[in-house]
C-alpha atoms as a PDB file:
ATOM      1  CA  UNK A   1     -74.063  21.425 158.988  1.00  0.00           C
ATOM      2  CA  UNK A   2     -73.789  25.047 160.032  1.00  0.00           C
ATOM      3  CA  UNK A   3     -76.826  24.625 162.265  1.00  0.00           C
ATOM      4  CA  UNK A   4     -75.254  21.572 163.860  1.00  0.00           C
ATOM      5  CA  UNK A   5     -72.016  23.473 164.594  1.00  0.00           C
ATOM      6  CA  UNK A   6     -74.016  26.347 166.014  1.00  0.00           C
ATOM      7  CA  UNK A   7     -76.047  23.970 168.223  1.00  0.00           C
ATOM      8  CA  UNK A   8     -72.864  22.264 169.483  1.00  0.00           C
ATOM      9  CA  UNK A   9     -71.270  25.644 170.248  1.00  0.00           C
ATOM     10  CA  UNK A  10     -74.429  26.830 172.049  1.00  0.00           C
ATOM     11  CA  UNK A  11     -74.467  23.623 174.111  1.00  0.00           C
ATOM     12  CA  UNK A  12     -70.764  24.046 175.006  1.00  0.00           C
ATOM     13  CA  UNK A  13     -71.368  27.664 176.072  1.00  0.00           C
ATOM     14  CA  UNK A  14     -74.380  26.619 178.137  1.00  0.00           C
ATOM     15  CA  UNK A  15     -72.447  23.806 179.885  1.00  0.00           C
ATOM     16  CA  UNK A  16     -69.448  26.119 180.489  1.00  0.00           C
ATOM     17  CA  UNK A  17     -71.662  28.845 182.000  1.00  0.00           C
ATOM     18  CA  UNK A  18     -73.464  26.311 184.176  1.00  0.00           C
ATOM     19  CA  UNK A  19     -70.196  24.784 185.370  1.00  0.00           C
ATOM     20  CA  UNK A  20     -68.963  28.262 186.410  1.00  0.00           C
ATOM     21  CA  UNK A  21     -72.214  28.699 188.309  1.00  0.00           C
ATOM     22  CA  UNK A  22     -71.758  25.342 190.083  1.00  0.00           C
ATOM     23  CA  UNK A  23     -68.143  26.189 190.930  1.00  0.00           C
ATOM     24  CA  UNK A  24     -69.284  29.534 192.343  1.00  0.00           C
ATOM     25  CA  UNK A  25     -72.018  27.857 194.396  1.00  0.00           C
ATOM     26  CA  UNK A  26     -69.477  25.308 195.636  1.00  0.00           C
ATOM     27  CA  UNK A  27     -67.039  28.044 196.729  1.00  0.00           C
ATOM     28  CA  UNK A  28     -69.781  30.002 198.529  1.00  0.00           C
ATOM     29  CA  UNK A  29     -71.055  26.797 200.173  1.00  0.00           C
ATOM     30  CA  UNK A  30     -67.529  25.920 201.304  1.00  0.00           C
ATOM     31  CA  UNK A  31     -67.058  29.380 202.827  1.00  0.00           C
ATOM     32  CA  UNK A  32     -70.381  29.105 204.665  1.00  0.00           C
ATOM     33  CA  UNK A  33     -69.347  25.698 206.012  1.00  0.00           C
ATOM     34  CA  UNK A  34     -65.980  27.050 207.246  1.00  0.00           C
ATOM     35  CA  UNK A  35     -67.648  30.033 208.973  1.00  0.00           C
ATOM     36  CA  UNK A  36     -70.190  27.659 210.559  1.00  0.00           C
ATOM     37  CA  UNK A  37     -67.462  25.350 211.892  1.00  0.00           C
ATOM     38  CA  UNK A  38     -65.552  28.324 213.358  1.00  0.00           C
ATOM     39  CA  UNK A  39     -68.729  29.706 214.987  1.00  0.00           C
ATOM     40  CA  UNK A  40     -69.528  26.273 216.459  1.00  0.00           C
ATOM     41  CA  UNK A  41     -65.997  25.917 217.843  1.00  0.00           C
ATOM     42  CA  UNK A  42     -66.198  29.352 219.478  1.00  0.00           C
ATOM     43  CA  UNK A  43     -69.640  28.555 220.913  1.00  0.00           C
ATOM     44  CA  UNK A  44     -68.501  25.214 222.329  1.00  0.00           C
ATOM     45  CA  UNK A  45     -65.334  26.663 223.871  1.00  0.00           C
ATOM     46  CA  UNK A  46     -67.247  28.600 226.587  1.00  0.00           C
ATOM     47  CA  UNK A  47     -69.498  27.248 229.307  1.00  0.00           C
ATOM     48  CA  UNK A  48     -72.840  25.990 228.073  1.00  0.00           C
ATOM     49  CA  UNK A  49     -75.749  27.959 229.517  1.00  0.00           C
ATOM     50  CA  UNK A  50     -78.539  25.551 230.351  1.00  0.00           C
ATOM     51  CA  UNK A  51     -80.130  27.527 233.204  1.00  0.00           C
ATOM     52  CA  UNK A  52     -80.537  31.263 232.702  1.00  0.00           C
ATOM     53  CA  UNK A  53     -78.576  33.392 235.194  1.00  0.00           C
ATOM     54  CA  UNK A  54     -80.604  35.213 237.827  1.00  0.00           C
ATOM     55  CA  UNK A  55     -80.316  38.990 238.070  1.00  0.00           C
ATOM     56  CA  UNK A  56     -80.306  39.996 241.728  1.00  0.00           C
ATOM     57  CA  UNK A  57     -82.138  43.274 241.062  1.00  0.00           C
ATOM     58  CA  UNK A  58     -84.974  41.308 239.455  1.00  0.00           C
ATOM     59  CA  UNK A  59     -85.435  39.726 242.898  1.00  0.00           C
ATOM     60  CA  UNK A  60     -84.799  42.756 245.130  1.00  0.00           C
ATOM     61  CA  UNK A  61     -86.737  45.446 243.312  1.00  0.00           C
ATOM     62  CA  UNK A  62     -86.812  49.136 244.270  1.00  0.00           C
ATOM     63  CA  UNK A  63     -90.399  48.642 245.483  1.00  0.00           C
ATOM     64  CA  UNK A  64     -89.320  45.861 247.873  1.00  0.00           C
ATOM     65  CA  UNK A  65     -86.411  48.023 249.051  1.00  0.00           C
ATOM     66  CA  UNK A  66     -88.817  50.884 249.764  1.00  0.00           C
ATOM     67  CA  UNK A  67     -91.043  48.534 251.771  1.00  0.00           C
ATOM     68  CA  UNK A  68     -88.028  47.669 253.917  1.00  0.00           C
ATOM     69  CA  UNK A  69     -86.116  50.959 254.078  1.00  0.00           C
ATOM     70  CA  UNK A  70     -88.686  53.682 253.469  1.00  0.00           C
ATOM     71  CA  UNK A  71     -89.550  55.835 250.482  1.00  0.00           C
ATOM     72  CA  UNK A  72     -86.114  57.361 249.993  1.00  0.00           C
ATOM     73  CA  UNK A  73     -83.714  54.615 249.017  1.00  0.00           C
ATOM     74  CA  UNK A  74     -80.465  54.716 247.100  1.00  0.00           C
ATOM     75  CA  UNK A  75     -79.366  51.904 244.849  1.00  0.00           C
ATOM     76  CA  UNK A  76     -75.698  51.337 245.610  1.00  0.00           C
ATOM     77  CA  UNK A  77     -74.893  48.150 243.767  1.00  0.00           C
ATOM     78  CA  UNK A  78     -76.656  46.624 240.807  1.00  0.00           C
ATOM     79  CA  UNK A  79     -74.855  44.504 238.272  1.00  0.00           C
ATOM     80  CA  UNK A  80     -75.461  42.027 235.524  1.00  0.00           C
ATOM     81  CA  UNK A  81     -74.564  38.414 236.264  1.00  0.00           C
ATOM     82  CA  UNK A  82     -70.862  37.676 235.834  1.00  0.00           C
ATOM     83  CA  UNK A  83     -70.159  34.096 234.744  1.00  0.00           C
ATOM     84  CA  UNK A  84     -67.164  32.303 236.273  1.00  0.00           C
ATOM     85  CA  UNK A  85     -66.694  28.536 236.473  1.00  0.00           C
ATOM     86  CA  UNK A  86     -70.271  27.674 235.421  1.00  0.00           C
ATOM     87  CA  UNK A  87     -71.796  29.985 238.059  1.00  0.00           C
ATOM     88  CA  UNK A  88     -73.251  33.449 237.416  1.00  0.00           C
ATOM     89  CA  UNK A  89     -72.965  35.937 240.279  1.00  0.00           C
ATOM     90  CA  UNK A  90     -75.133  39.025 240.562  1.00  0.00           C
ATOM     91  CA  UNK A  91     -75.542  41.593 243.372  1.00  0.00           C
ATOM     92  CA  UNK A  92     -78.130  44.206 244.248  1.00  0.00           C
ATOM     93  CA  UNK A  93     -78.209  46.488 247.273  1.00  0.00           C
ATOM     94  CA  UNK A  94     -80.038  49.533 248.549  1.00  0.00           C
ATOM     95  CA  UNK A  95     -79.487  51.872 251.480  1.00  0.00           C
ATOM     96  CA  UNK A  96     -81.780  54.365 253.110  1.00  0.00           C
ATOM     97  CA  UNK A  97     -80.898  58.020 252.855  1.00  0.00           C
ATOM     98  CA  UNK A  98     -79.805  58.341 256.479  1.00  0.00           C
ATOM     99  CA  UNK A  99     -76.741  60.631 256.600  1.00  0.00           C
ATOM    100  CA  UNK A 100     -75.417  58.943 259.745  1.00  0.00           C
ATOM    101  CA  UNK A 101     -73.305  55.919 258.808  1.00  0.00           C
ATOM    102  CA  UNK A 102     -74.128  54.271 262.136  1.00  0.00           C
ATOM    103  CA  UNK A 103     -77.870  54.560 261.494  1.00  0.00           C
ATOM    104  CA  UNK A 104     -77.770  53.751 257.757  1.00  0.00           C
ATOM    105  CA  UNK A 105     -79.719  50.615 256.934  1.00  0.00           C
ATOM    106  CA  UNK A 106     -79.040  48.298 254.019  1.00  0.00           C
ATOM    107  CA  UNK A 107     -81.018  45.673 252.124  1.00  0.00           C
ATOM    108  CA  UNK A 108     -78.869  43.538 249.853  1.00  0.00           C
ATOM    109  CA  UNK A 109     -78.884  40.242 247.994  1.00  0.00           C
ATOM    110  CA  UNK A 110     -76.243  38.379 246.085  1.00  0.00           C
ATOM    111  CA  UNK A 111     -77.212  35.470 243.879  1.00  0.00           C
ATOM    112  CA  UNK A 112     -74.918  32.698 242.677  1.00  0.00           C
ATOM    113  CA  UNK A 113     -76.945  30.947 239.997  1.00  0.00           C
ATOM    114  CA  UNK A 114     -75.736  27.810 238.281  1.00  0.00           C
ATOM    115  CA  UNK A 115     -75.803  28.010 234.494  1.00  0.00           C
ATOM    116  CA  UNK A 116     -75.463  24.260 233.977  1.00  0.00           C
ATOM    117  CA  UNK A 117     -75.170  20.982 235.912  1.00  0.00           C
ATOM    118  CA  UNK A 118     -71.469  21.565 236.683  1.00  0.00           C
ATOM    119  CA  UNK A 119     -72.322  24.931 238.224  1.00  0.00           C
ATOM    120  CA  UNK A 120     -75.188  23.362 240.161  1.00  0.00           C
ATOM    121  CA  UNK A 121     -72.821  20.770 241.659  1.00  0.00           C
ATOM    122  CA  UNK A 122     -70.298  23.523 242.492  1.00  0.00           C
ATOM    123  CA  UNK A 123     -72.967  25.664 244.176  1.00  0.00           C
ATOM    124  CA  UNK A 124     -74.233  22.745 246.261  1.00  0.00           C
ATOM    125  CA  UNK A 125     -70.732  21.666 247.330  1.00  0.00           C
ATOM    126  CA  UNK A 126     -69.638  25.184 248.303  1.00  0.00           C
ATOM    127  CA  UNK A 127     -72.957  25.869 250.051  1.00  0.00           C
ATOM    128  CA  UNK A 128     -72.527  22.667 252.091  1.00  0.00           C
ATOM    129  CA  UNK A 129     -68.993  23.744 253.082  1.00  0.00           C
ATOM    130  CA  UNK A 130     -70.179  27.207 254.124  1.00  0.00           C
ATOM    131  CA  UNK A 131     -73.106  25.713 256.044  1.00  0.00           C
ATOM    132  CA  UNK A 132     -70.780  23.305 257.851  1.00  0.00           C
ATOM    133  CA  UNK A 133     -68.502  26.218 258.794  1.00  0.00           C
ATOM    134  CA  UNK A 134     -71.502  28.130 260.187  1.00  0.00           C
ATOM    135  CA  UNK A 135     -72.327  25.139 262.380  1.00  0.00           C
ATOM    136  CA  UNK A 136     -75.652  23.602 263.269  1.00  0.00           C
ATOM    137  CA  UNK A 137     -76.573  26.641 265.376  1.00  0.00           C
ATOM    138  CA  UNK A 138     -76.932  28.576 262.116  1.00  0.00           C
ATOM    139  CA  UNK A 139     -79.299  26.085 260.426  1.00  0.00           C
ATOM    140  CA  UNK A 140     -82.628  27.609 259.353  1.00  0.00           C
ATOM    141  CA  UNK A 141     -85.671  25.632 258.249  1.00  0.00           C
ATOM    142  CA  UNK A 142     -88.634  26.665 256.137  1.00  0.00           C
ATOM    143  CA  UNK A 143     -86.693  28.810 253.658  1.00  0.00           C
ATOM    144  CA  UNK A 144     -85.658  27.370 250.288  1.00  0.00           C
ATOM    145  CA  UNK A 145     -84.266  23.857 249.960  1.00  0.00           C
ATOM    146  CA  UNK A 146     -81.637  24.507 252.641  1.00  0.00           C
ATOM    147  CA  UNK A 147     -80.647  27.599 254.613  1.00  0.00           C
ATOM    148  CA  UNK A 148     -78.286  28.834 257.305  1.00  0.00           C
ATOM    149  CA  UNK A 149     -77.642  32.121 259.069  1.00  0.00           C
ATOM    150  CA  UNK A 150     -74.117  33.511 259.417  1.00  0.00           C
ATOM    151  CA  UNK A 151     -74.467  35.636 262.559  1.00  0.00           C
ATOM    152  CA  UNK A 152     -71.008  37.196 262.178  1.00  0.00           C
ATOM    153  CA  UNK A 153     -71.885  38.702 258.788  1.00  0.00           C
ATOM    154  CA  UNK A 154     -75.614  39.024 259.460  1.00  0.00           C
ATOM    155  CA  UNK A 155     -76.324  37.058 256.287  1.00  0.00           C
ATOM    156  CA  UNK A 156     -78.935  34.451 255.502  1.00  0.00           C
ATOM    157  CA  UNK A 157     -77.732  31.915 252.934  1.00  0.00           C
ATOM    158  CA  UNK A 158     -80.469  30.065 251.060  1.00  0.00           C
ATOM    159  CA  UNK A 159     -80.078  27.310 248.483  1.00  0.00           C
ATOM    160  CA  UNK A 160     -83.115  26.987 246.250  1.00  0.00           C
ATOM    161  CA  UNK A 161     -83.066  25.072 243.007  1.00  0.00           C
ATOM    162  CA  UNK A 162     -80.003  26.129 241.000  1.00  0.00           C
ATOM    163  CA  UNK A 163     -79.515  29.377 242.942  1.00  0.00           C
ATOM    164  CA  UNK A 164     -77.692  30.301 246.145  1.00  0.00           C
ATOM    165  CA  UNK A 165     -79.091  33.500 247.614  1.00  0.00           C
ATOM    166  CA  UNK A 166     -77.205  35.526 250.226  1.00  0.00           C
ATOM    167  CA  UNK A 167     -79.437  38.111 251.922  1.00  0.00           C
ATOM    168  CA  UNK A 168     -78.438  40.941 254.235  1.00  0.00           C
ATOM    169  CA  UNK A 169     -80.789  43.399 255.934  1.00  0.00           C
ATOM    170  CA  UNK A 170     -80.092  45.734 258.813  1.00  0.00           C
ATOM    171  CA  UNK A 171     -77.644  48.402 259.923  1.00  0.00           C
ATOM    172  CA  UNK A 172     -74.674  48.765 257.570  1.00  0.00           C
ATOM    173  CA  UNK A 173     -72.186  49.553 260.334  1.00  0.00           C
ATOM    174  CA  UNK A 174     -73.003  46.482 262.450  1.00  0.00           C
ATOM    175  CA  UNK A 175     -74.111  43.492 260.329  1.00  0.00           C
ATOM    176  CA  UNK A 176     -73.725  41.160 263.329  1.00  0.00           C
ATOM    177  CA  UNK A 177     -76.756  42.965 264.821  1.00  0.00           C
ATOM    178  CA  UNK A 178     -78.965  41.846 261.906  1.00  0.00           C
ATOM    179  CA  UNK A 179     -81.768  39.648 263.165  1.00  0.00           C
ATOM    180  CA  UNK A 180     -82.621  36.312 261.634  1.00  0.00           C
ATOM    181  CA  UNK A 181     -86.306  37.278 261.487  1.00  0.00           C
ATOM    182  CA  UNK A 182     -85.644  40.464 259.482  1.00  0.00           C
ATOM    183  CA  UNK A 183     -83.249  38.796 257.050  1.00  0.00           C
ATOM    184  CA  UNK A 184     -85.612  35.821 256.646  1.00  0.00           C
ATOM    185  CA  UNK A 185     -88.444  38.206 255.743  1.00  0.00           C
ATOM    186  CA  UNK A 186     -86.240  39.791 253.077  1.00  0.00           C
ATOM    187  CA  UNK A 187     -85.211  36.355 251.746  1.00  0.00           C
ATOM    188  CA  UNK A 188     -88.822  35.144 251.544  1.00  0.00           C
ATOM    189  CA  UNK A 189     -89.847  38.351 249.720  1.00  0.00           C
ATOM    190  CA  UNK A 190     -87.128  38.065 247.086  1.00  0.00           C
ATOM    191  CA  UNK A 191     -87.476  34.292 246.713  1.00  0.00           C
ATOM    192  CA  UNK A 192     -91.073  34.838 245.640  1.00  0.00           C
ATOM    193  CA  UNK A 193     -89.604  36.332 242.425  1.00  0.00           C
ATOM    194  CA  UNK A 194     -87.212  33.418 241.825  1.00  0.00           C
ATOM    195  CA  UNK A 195     -88.555  31.076 239.171  1.00  0.00           C
END
């Protein structure tokens, strides 16, 4: 009889210890679930990145800038893509080391890369508006999917895939003197790095 009581007590202790273990596992599992739901909500609250943003300085490298401007170039603007409204914008520019502002040359690109389909639609719509404003005289063929030259700003705008590239190459003090041929060469060089 004593053995039976001892066996019953041992069984009760075992079940009680196991139930505490299961309660503990349940509490930890519940906490993990709550943290997971919060992390998912935070992740879903921002724009979904489907297409990786393009970094402008990955396209316009120092070596390409040296080819255009000479061996002594200064990087004046290089930034990581900034995401706004499903579009990531990145800029990269170089100048030569000419002390005269009137003779200083610049090579620059800005890239508006869509991070998802909404950004792609936005890029295409805004590119079409800008192209329409530039007029048919600014249309350029043979570069990207669509391109136009803004003679006032000396900029070549190129739409290729999910990215809108704006290229500028020439004298910093008079961008309207930039030639389409020079800016097109720059655009073709940097587009070769765009995947």
